Amino acid sequence: KIYLPGLNLKRLSEVVQSYIDLDEQTISFTVTCPTKDGAQATVTGSFQWGPKKTVADLTQFLFVRKDPKNIQTGVTDEVLHALSVKIGTMDMLTVEKSLNTLGKLIDKHFKRMRDIADTGVRSLEQEFGIYIKTPTISKVTGDQKFVAARATRRAMDEIRATVKSAVADAQTLGQTLDVGAAMDNALL
């Protein structure tokens, strides 16, 4: 259509309005950190965020609202930063059982980010003009190769214990039992 200069009426379907979404949004994240024993721990969780309602913060929010992946990347990087040092000092079994400990560590990190007096910490909330509810962790898992190896090791430990018990029982009865043959028979 060609519109001539002056007053031109538009149909409602032709009017495009641009609203700023002020609703709270939930985004999930996944971070992977190496453990002390070499396995990769995968931490899965989520966080909620929304724009702050002040003019200064909305102005800041306008710069990032077109690409919310900036916010997701920023929060995920902060979660990774908070967890990587701690998980690196723990073995995989401990990490899998430490859901609450890791959650408290993230909570402490995000509280520190909100502290205006602490200038040594990046504040995503000030940087993006948003508020962030502290991320929560839903699960911690190890990589599949490590889990399979751990299951195999447990099975082998049980077999060794059974063979050791059989050898001890044979000795109490005055018989001799070849450990290698007992292991072979246990593995069949």
C-alpha atoms as a PDB file:
ATOM      1  CA  LYS A   1       0.000   0.000   0.000  1.00  0.00           C
ATOM      2  CA  ILE A   2       1.038   3.537  -0.601  1.00  0.00           C
ATOM      3  CA  TYR A   3       0.123   6.158   1.986  1.00  0.00           C
ATOM      4  CA  LEU A   4      -0.135   9.754   0.873  1.00  0.00           C
ATOM      5  CA  PRO A   5       0.947  12.587   3.202  1.00  0.00           C
ATOM      6  CA  GLY A   6      -1.634  13.559   5.801  1.00  0.00           C
ATOM      7  CA  LEU A   7      -4.088  11.650   7.929  1.00  0.00           C
ATOM      8  CA  ASN A   8      -4.177   7.934   7.095  1.00  0.00           C
ATOM      9  CA  LEU A   9      -6.357   5.465   8.923  1.00  0.00           C
ATOM     10  CA  LYS A  10      -4.975   2.004   9.644  1.00  0.00           C
ATOM     11  CA  ARG A  11      -6.753  -1.185  10.377  1.00  0.00           C
ATOM     12  CA  LEU A  12      -6.144  -2.636  13.797  1.00  0.00           C
ATOM     13  CA  SER A  13      -4.305  -5.563  12.194  1.00  0.00           C
ATOM     14  CA  GLU A  14      -1.793  -3.121  10.687  1.00  0.00           C
ATOM     15  CA  VAL A  15      -0.844  -1.570  14.001  1.00  0.00           C
ATOM     16  CA  VAL A  16       2.246  -3.163  15.481  1.00  0.00           C
ATOM     17  CA  GLN A  17       2.787  -2.584  19.146  1.00  0.00           C
ATOM     18  CA  SER A  18       5.956  -3.328  21.032  1.00  0.00           C
ATOM     19  CA  TYR A  19       5.451  -4.174  24.671  1.00  0.00           C
ATOM     20  CA  ILE A  20       8.145  -4.806  27.231  1.00  0.00           C
ATOM     21  CA  ASP A  21       7.430  -8.140  28.884  1.00  0.00           C
ATOM     22  CA  LEU A  22       7.635  -7.557  32.646  1.00  0.00           C
ATOM     23  CA  ASP A  23       6.635 -11.100  33.593  1.00  0.00           C
ATOM     24  CA  GLU A  24       8.925 -13.353  35.586  1.00  0.00           C
ATOM     25  CA  GLN A  25      10.581 -16.027  33.485  1.00  0.00           C
ATOM     26  CA  THR A  26      12.035 -19.401  34.445  1.00  0.00           C
ATOM     27  CA  ILE A  27      15.104 -20.685  32.646  1.00  0.00           C
ATOM     28  CA  SER A  28      16.863 -24.002  33.179  1.00  0.00           C
ATOM     29  CA  PHE A  29      20.616 -24.464  33.068  1.00  0.00           C
ATOM     30  CA  THR A  30      23.176 -27.266  32.949  1.00  0.00           C
ATOM     31  CA  VAL A  31      26.814 -26.904  33.956  1.00  0.00           C
ATOM     32  CA  THR A  32      29.574 -29.507  33.918  1.00  0.00           C
ATOM     33  CA  CYS A  33      32.520 -29.469  36.320  1.00  0.00           C
ATOM     34  CA  PRO A  34      35.429 -31.908  36.734  1.00  0.00           C
ATOM     35  CA  THR A  35      35.694 -33.716  40.078  1.00  0.00           C
ATOM     36  CA  LYS A  36      38.782 -34.674  42.057  1.00  0.00           C
ATOM     37  CA  ASP A  37      38.718 -38.223  40.697  1.00  0.00           C
ATOM     38  CA  GLY A  38      38.481 -37.108  37.057  1.00  0.00           C
ATOM     39  CA  ALA A  39      34.779 -37.695  36.418  1.00  0.00           C
ATOM     40  CA  GLN A  40      32.587 -34.946  35.006  1.00  0.00           C
ATOM     41  CA  ALA A  41      29.720 -33.883  37.306  1.00  0.00           C
ATOM     42  CA  THR A  42      26.698 -32.447  35.518  1.00  0.00           C
ATOM     43  CA  VAL A  43      24.591 -30.072  37.610  1.00  0.00           C
ATOM     44  CA  THR A  44      21.080 -29.292  36.377  1.00  0.00           C
ATOM     45  CA  GLY A  45      18.844 -26.591  37.816  1.00  0.00           C
ATOM     46  CA  SER A  46      16.797 -23.504  37.098  1.00  0.00           C
ATOM     47  CA  PHE A  47      16.429 -19.855  38.053  1.00  0.00           C
ATOM     48  CA  GLN A  48      13.782 -17.179  37.746  1.00  0.00           C
ATOM     49  CA  TRP A  49      14.349 -13.626  36.641  1.00  0.00           C
ATOM     50  CA  GLY A  50      12.386 -10.546  35.676  1.00  0.00           C
ATOM     51  CA  PRO A  51      13.066  -6.902  34.943  1.00  0.00           C
ATOM     52  CA  LYS A  52      13.162  -4.462  37.832  1.00  0.00           C
ATOM     53  CA  LYS A  53      10.410  -1.889  37.610  1.00  0.00           C
ATOM     54  CA  THR A  54      12.416   1.325  38.081  1.00  0.00           C
ATOM     55  CA  VAL A  55      13.124   3.641  35.137  1.00  0.00           C
ATOM     56  CA  ALA A  56      16.906   3.332  35.459  1.00  0.00           C
ATOM     57  CA  ASP A  57      16.733  -0.464  35.583  1.00  0.00           C
ATOM     58  CA  LEU A  58      14.271  -0.655  32.680  1.00  0.00           C
ATOM     59  CA  THR A  59      16.646   1.447  30.607  1.00  0.00           C
ATOM     60  CA  GLN A  60      19.406  -1.039  31.392  1.00  0.00           C
ATOM     61  CA  PHE A  61      17.041  -3.945  30.665  1.00  0.00           C
ATOM     62  CA  LEU A  62      16.193  -2.575  27.191  1.00  0.00           C
ATOM     63  CA  PHE A  63      19.752  -3.365  26.083  1.00  0.00           C
ATOM     64  CA  VAL A  64      19.458  -7.090  26.894  1.00  0.00           C
ATOM     65  CA  ARG A  65      15.760  -7.846  26.426  1.00  0.00           C
ATOM     66  CA  LYS A  66      16.060  -8.654  22.727  1.00  0.00           C
ATOM     67  CA  ASP A  67      18.478 -11.491  23.489  1.00  0.00           C
ATOM     68  CA  PRO A  68      17.595 -13.166  26.812  1.00  0.00           C
ATOM     69  CA  LYS A  69      20.373 -15.705  26.180  1.00  0.00           C
ATOM     70  CA  ASN A  70      22.696 -13.013  27.574  1.00  0.00           C
ATOM     71  CA  ILE A  71      20.929 -13.373  30.905  1.00  0.00           C
ATOM     72  CA  GLN A  72      20.972 -17.175  30.765  1.00  0.00           C
ATOM     73  CA  THR A  73      24.667 -17.187  29.859  1.00  0.00           C
ATOM     74  CA  GLY A  74      25.483 -14.705  32.628  1.00  0.00           C
ATOM     75  CA  VAL A  75      23.678 -16.700  35.318  1.00  0.00           C
ATOM     76  CA  THR A  76      25.036 -20.041  34.061  1.00  0.00           C
ATOM     77  CA  ASP A  77      28.582 -18.628  34.124  1.00  0.00           C
ATOM     78  CA  GLU A  78      28.073 -17.416  37.701  1.00  0.00           C
ATOM     79  CA  VAL A  79      26.739 -20.834  38.776  1.00  0.00           C
ATOM     80  CA  LEU A  80      29.714 -22.522  37.101  1.00  0.00           C
ATOM     81  CA  HIS A  81      32.072 -20.097  38.844  1.00  0.00           C
ATOM     82  CA  ALA A  82      30.458 -20.785  42.219  1.00  0.00           C
ATOM     83  CA  LEU A  83      30.544 -24.583  41.829  1.00  0.00           C
ATOM     84  CA  SER A  84      33.724 -25.389  39.902  1.00  0.00           C
ATOM     85  CA  VAL A  85      36.196 -24.771  42.736  1.00  0.00           C
ATOM     86  CA  LYS A  86      34.178 -26.768  45.307  1.00  0.00           C
ATOM     87  CA  ILE A  87      33.355 -29.675  42.988  1.00  0.00           C
ATOM     88  CA  GLY A  88      37.020 -29.871  41.943  1.00  0.00           C
ATOM     89  CA  THR A  89      37.947 -30.798  45.527  1.00  0.00           C
ATOM     90  CA  MET A  90      35.284 -33.530  45.871  1.00  0.00           C
ATOM     91  CA  ASP A  91      35.073 -37.048  44.463  1.00  0.00           C
ATOM     92  CA  MET A  92      32.105 -38.030  42.297  1.00  0.00           C
ATOM     93  CA  LEU A  93      30.290 -40.022  44.986  1.00  0.00           C
ATOM     94  CA  THR A  94      30.437 -37.057  47.368  1.00  0.00           C
ATOM     95  CA  VAL A  95      29.269 -34.628  44.676  1.00  0.00           C
ATOM     96  CA  GLU A  96      26.217 -36.777  43.898  1.00  0.00           C
ATOM     97  CA  LYS A  97      25.242 -36.744  47.590  1.00  0.00           C
ATOM     98  CA  SER A  98      25.934 -33.003  48.095  1.00  0.00           C
ATOM     99  CA  LEU A  99      22.860 -31.471  46.491  1.00  0.00           C
ATOM    100  CA  ASN A 100      22.069 -29.306  49.548  1.00  0.00           C
ATOM    101  CA  THR A 101      25.689 -28.240  50.050  1.00  0.00           C
ATOM    102  CA  LEU A 102      26.013 -27.139  46.433  1.00  0.00           C
ATOM    103  CA  GLY A 103      22.679 -25.299  46.653  1.00  0.00           C
ATOM    104  CA  LYS A 104      23.897 -23.389  49.731  1.00  0.00           C
ATOM    105  CA  LEU A 105      27.127 -22.536  47.909  1.00  0.00           C
ATOM    106  CA  ILE A 106      25.174 -21.004  45.013  1.00  0.00           C
ATOM    107  CA  ASP A 107      22.922 -19.155  47.461  1.00  0.00           C
ATOM    108  CA  LYS A 108      25.977 -17.684  49.226  1.00  0.00           C
ATOM    109  CA  HIS A 109      27.512 -16.623  45.899  1.00  0.00           C
ATOM    110  CA  PHE A 110      24.350 -14.859  44.712  1.00  0.00           C
ATOM    111  CA  LYS A 111      23.910 -13.109  48.079  1.00  0.00           C
ATOM    112  CA  ARG A 112      27.451 -11.816  47.696  1.00  0.00           C
ATOM    113  CA  MET A 113      26.596 -10.595  44.175  1.00  0.00           C
ATOM    114  CA  ARG A 114      23.691  -8.574  45.602  1.00  0.00           C
ATOM    115  CA  ASP A 115      25.919  -6.896  48.207  1.00  0.00           C
ATOM    116  CA  ILE A 116      26.470  -3.389  46.839  1.00  0.00           C
ATOM    117  CA  ALA A 117      29.436  -2.820  49.173  1.00  0.00           C
ATOM    118  CA  ASP A 118      31.325  -5.806  47.672  1.00  0.00           C
ATOM    119  CA  THR A 119      33.026  -4.289  44.624  1.00  0.00           C
ATOM    120  CA  GLY A 120      35.002  -7.442  43.823  1.00  0.00           C
ATOM    121  CA  VAL A 121      31.941  -9.282  42.489  1.00  0.00           C
ATOM    122  CA  ARG A 122      30.079  -8.827  39.213  1.00  0.00           C
ATOM    123  CA  SER A 123      26.429  -7.896  39.745  1.00  0.00           C
ATOM    124  CA  LEU A 124      24.222  -9.281  36.993  1.00  0.00           C
ATOM    125  CA  GLU A 125      21.211  -7.561  38.506  1.00  0.00           C
ATOM    126  CA  GLN A 126      22.780  -4.113  38.134  1.00  0.00           C
ATOM    127  CA  GLU A 127      24.365  -4.954  34.809  1.00  0.00           C
ATOM    128  CA  PHE A 128      21.130  -6.177  33.188  1.00  0.00           C
ATOM    129  CA  GLY A 129      18.517  -4.187  35.169  1.00  0.00           C
ATOM    130  CA  ILE A 130      16.831  -7.370  36.398  1.00  0.00           C
ATOM    131  CA  TYR A 131      16.272  -9.273  39.604  1.00  0.00           C
ATOM    132  CA  ILE A 132      17.353 -12.894  39.835  1.00  0.00           C
ATOM    133  CA  LYS A 133      15.897 -15.382  42.256  1.00  0.00           C
ATOM    134  CA  THR A 134      18.672 -17.620  43.546  1.00  0.00           C
ATOM    135  CA  PRO A 135      19.180 -20.591  41.215  1.00  0.00           C
ATOM    136  CA  THR A 136      18.112 -23.989  42.525  1.00  0.00           C
ATOM    137  CA  ILE A 137      19.693 -27.349  41.725  1.00  0.00           C
ATOM    138  CA  SER A 138      17.392 -30.193  40.716  1.00  0.00           C
ATOM    139  CA  LYS A 139      19.953 -32.974  40.189  1.00  0.00           C
ATOM    140  CA  VAL A 140      23.628 -33.837  40.048  1.00  0.00           C
ATOM    141  CA  THR A 141      24.786 -36.718  37.852  1.00  0.00           C
ATOM    142  CA  GLY A 142      28.104 -38.254  36.874  1.00  0.00           C
ATOM    143  CA  ASP A 143      29.141 -39.085  33.349  1.00  0.00           C
ATOM    144  CA  GLN A 144      27.870 -42.471  32.109  1.00  0.00           C
ATOM    145  CA  LYS A 145      31.318 -44.054  31.661  1.00  0.00           C
ATOM    146  CA  PHE A 146      32.179 -43.280  35.269  1.00  0.00           C
ATOM    147  CA  VAL A 147      28.859 -44.661  36.530  1.00  0.00           C
ATOM    148  CA  ALA A 148      29.360 -47.879  34.506  1.00  0.00           C
ATOM    149  CA  ALA A 149      32.937 -48.252  35.770  1.00  0.00           C
ATOM    150  CA  ARG A 150      31.784 -47.710  39.349  1.00  0.00           C
ATOM    151  CA  ALA A 151      29.091 -50.395  38.975  1.00  0.00           C
ATOM    152  CA  THR A 152      31.658 -52.834  37.546  1.00  0.00           C
ATOM    153  CA  ARG A 153      34.027 -52.107  40.408  1.00  0.00           C
ATOM    154  CA  ARG A 154      31.275 -52.741  42.979  1.00  0.00           C
ATOM    155  CA  ALA A 155      30.466 -56.080  41.317  1.00  0.00           C
ATOM    156  CA  MET A 156      34.146 -57.063  41.324  1.00  0.00           C
ATOM    157  CA  ASP A 157      34.479 -56.069  44.994  1.00  0.00           C
ATOM    158  CA  GLU A 158      31.519 -58.319  45.834  1.00  0.00           C
ATOM    159  CA  ILE A 159      33.069 -61.210  43.884  1.00  0.00           C
ATOM    160  CA  ARG A 160      36.421 -60.718  45.651  1.00  0.00           C
ATOM    161  CA  ALA A 161      34.670 -60.719  49.039  1.00  0.00           C
ATOM    162  CA  THR A 162      32.809 -63.920  48.132  1.00  0.00           C
ATOM    163  CA  VAL A 163      36.015 -65.651  47.000  1.00  0.00           C
ATOM    164  CA  LYS A 164      37.890 -64.482  50.100  1.00  0.00           C
ATOM    165  CA  SER A 165      35.090 -65.868  52.273  1.00  0.00           C
ATOM    166  CA  ALA A 166      35.132 -69.189  50.354  1.00  0.00           C
ATOM    167  CA  VAL A 167      38.924 -69.489  50.785  1.00  0.00           C
ATOM    168  CA  ALA A 168      38.597 -68.783  54.510  1.00  0.00           C
ATOM    169  CA  ASP A 169      35.802 -71.358  54.837  1.00  0.00           C
ATOM    170  CA  ALA A 170      37.903 -73.960  52.994  1.00  0.00           C
ATOM    171  CA  GLN A 171      40.869 -73.305  55.273  1.00  0.00           C
ATOM    172  CA  THR A 172      38.732 -73.786  58.407  1.00  0.00           C
ATOM    173  CA  LEU A 173      37.646 -77.168  57.021  1.00  0.00           C
ATOM    174  CA  GLY A 174      41.274 -78.120  56.367  1.00  0.00           C
ATOM    175  CA  GLN A 175      40.947 -77.936  52.601  1.00  0.00           C
ATOM    176  CA  THR A 176      42.882 -75.852  50.131  1.00  0.00           C
ATOM    177  CA  LEU A 177      41.162 -73.698  47.571  1.00  0.00           C
ATOM    178  CA  ASP A 178      42.976 -72.148  44.619  1.00  0.00           C
ATOM    179  CA  VAL A 179      42.127 -68.427  44.569  1.00  0.00           C
ATOM    180  CA  GLY A 180      42.573 -68.148  40.788  1.00  0.00           C
ATOM    181  CA  ALA A 181      40.230 -71.071  40.138  1.00  0.00           C
ATOM    182  CA  ALA A 182      37.717 -69.684  42.649  1.00  0.00           C
ATOM    183  CA  MET A 183      37.782 -66.305  40.886  1.00  0.00           C
ATOM    184  CA  ASP A 184      37.271 -67.985  37.512  1.00  0.00           C
ATOM    185  CA  ASN A 185      34.330 -69.970  38.881  1.00  0.00           C
ATOM    186  CA  ALA A 186      32.836 -66.842  40.480  1.00  0.00           C
ATOM    187  CA  LEU A 187      32.990 -64.942  37.193  1.00  0.00           C
ATOM    188  CA  LEU A 188      31.122 -67.674  35.274  1.00  0.00           C
END
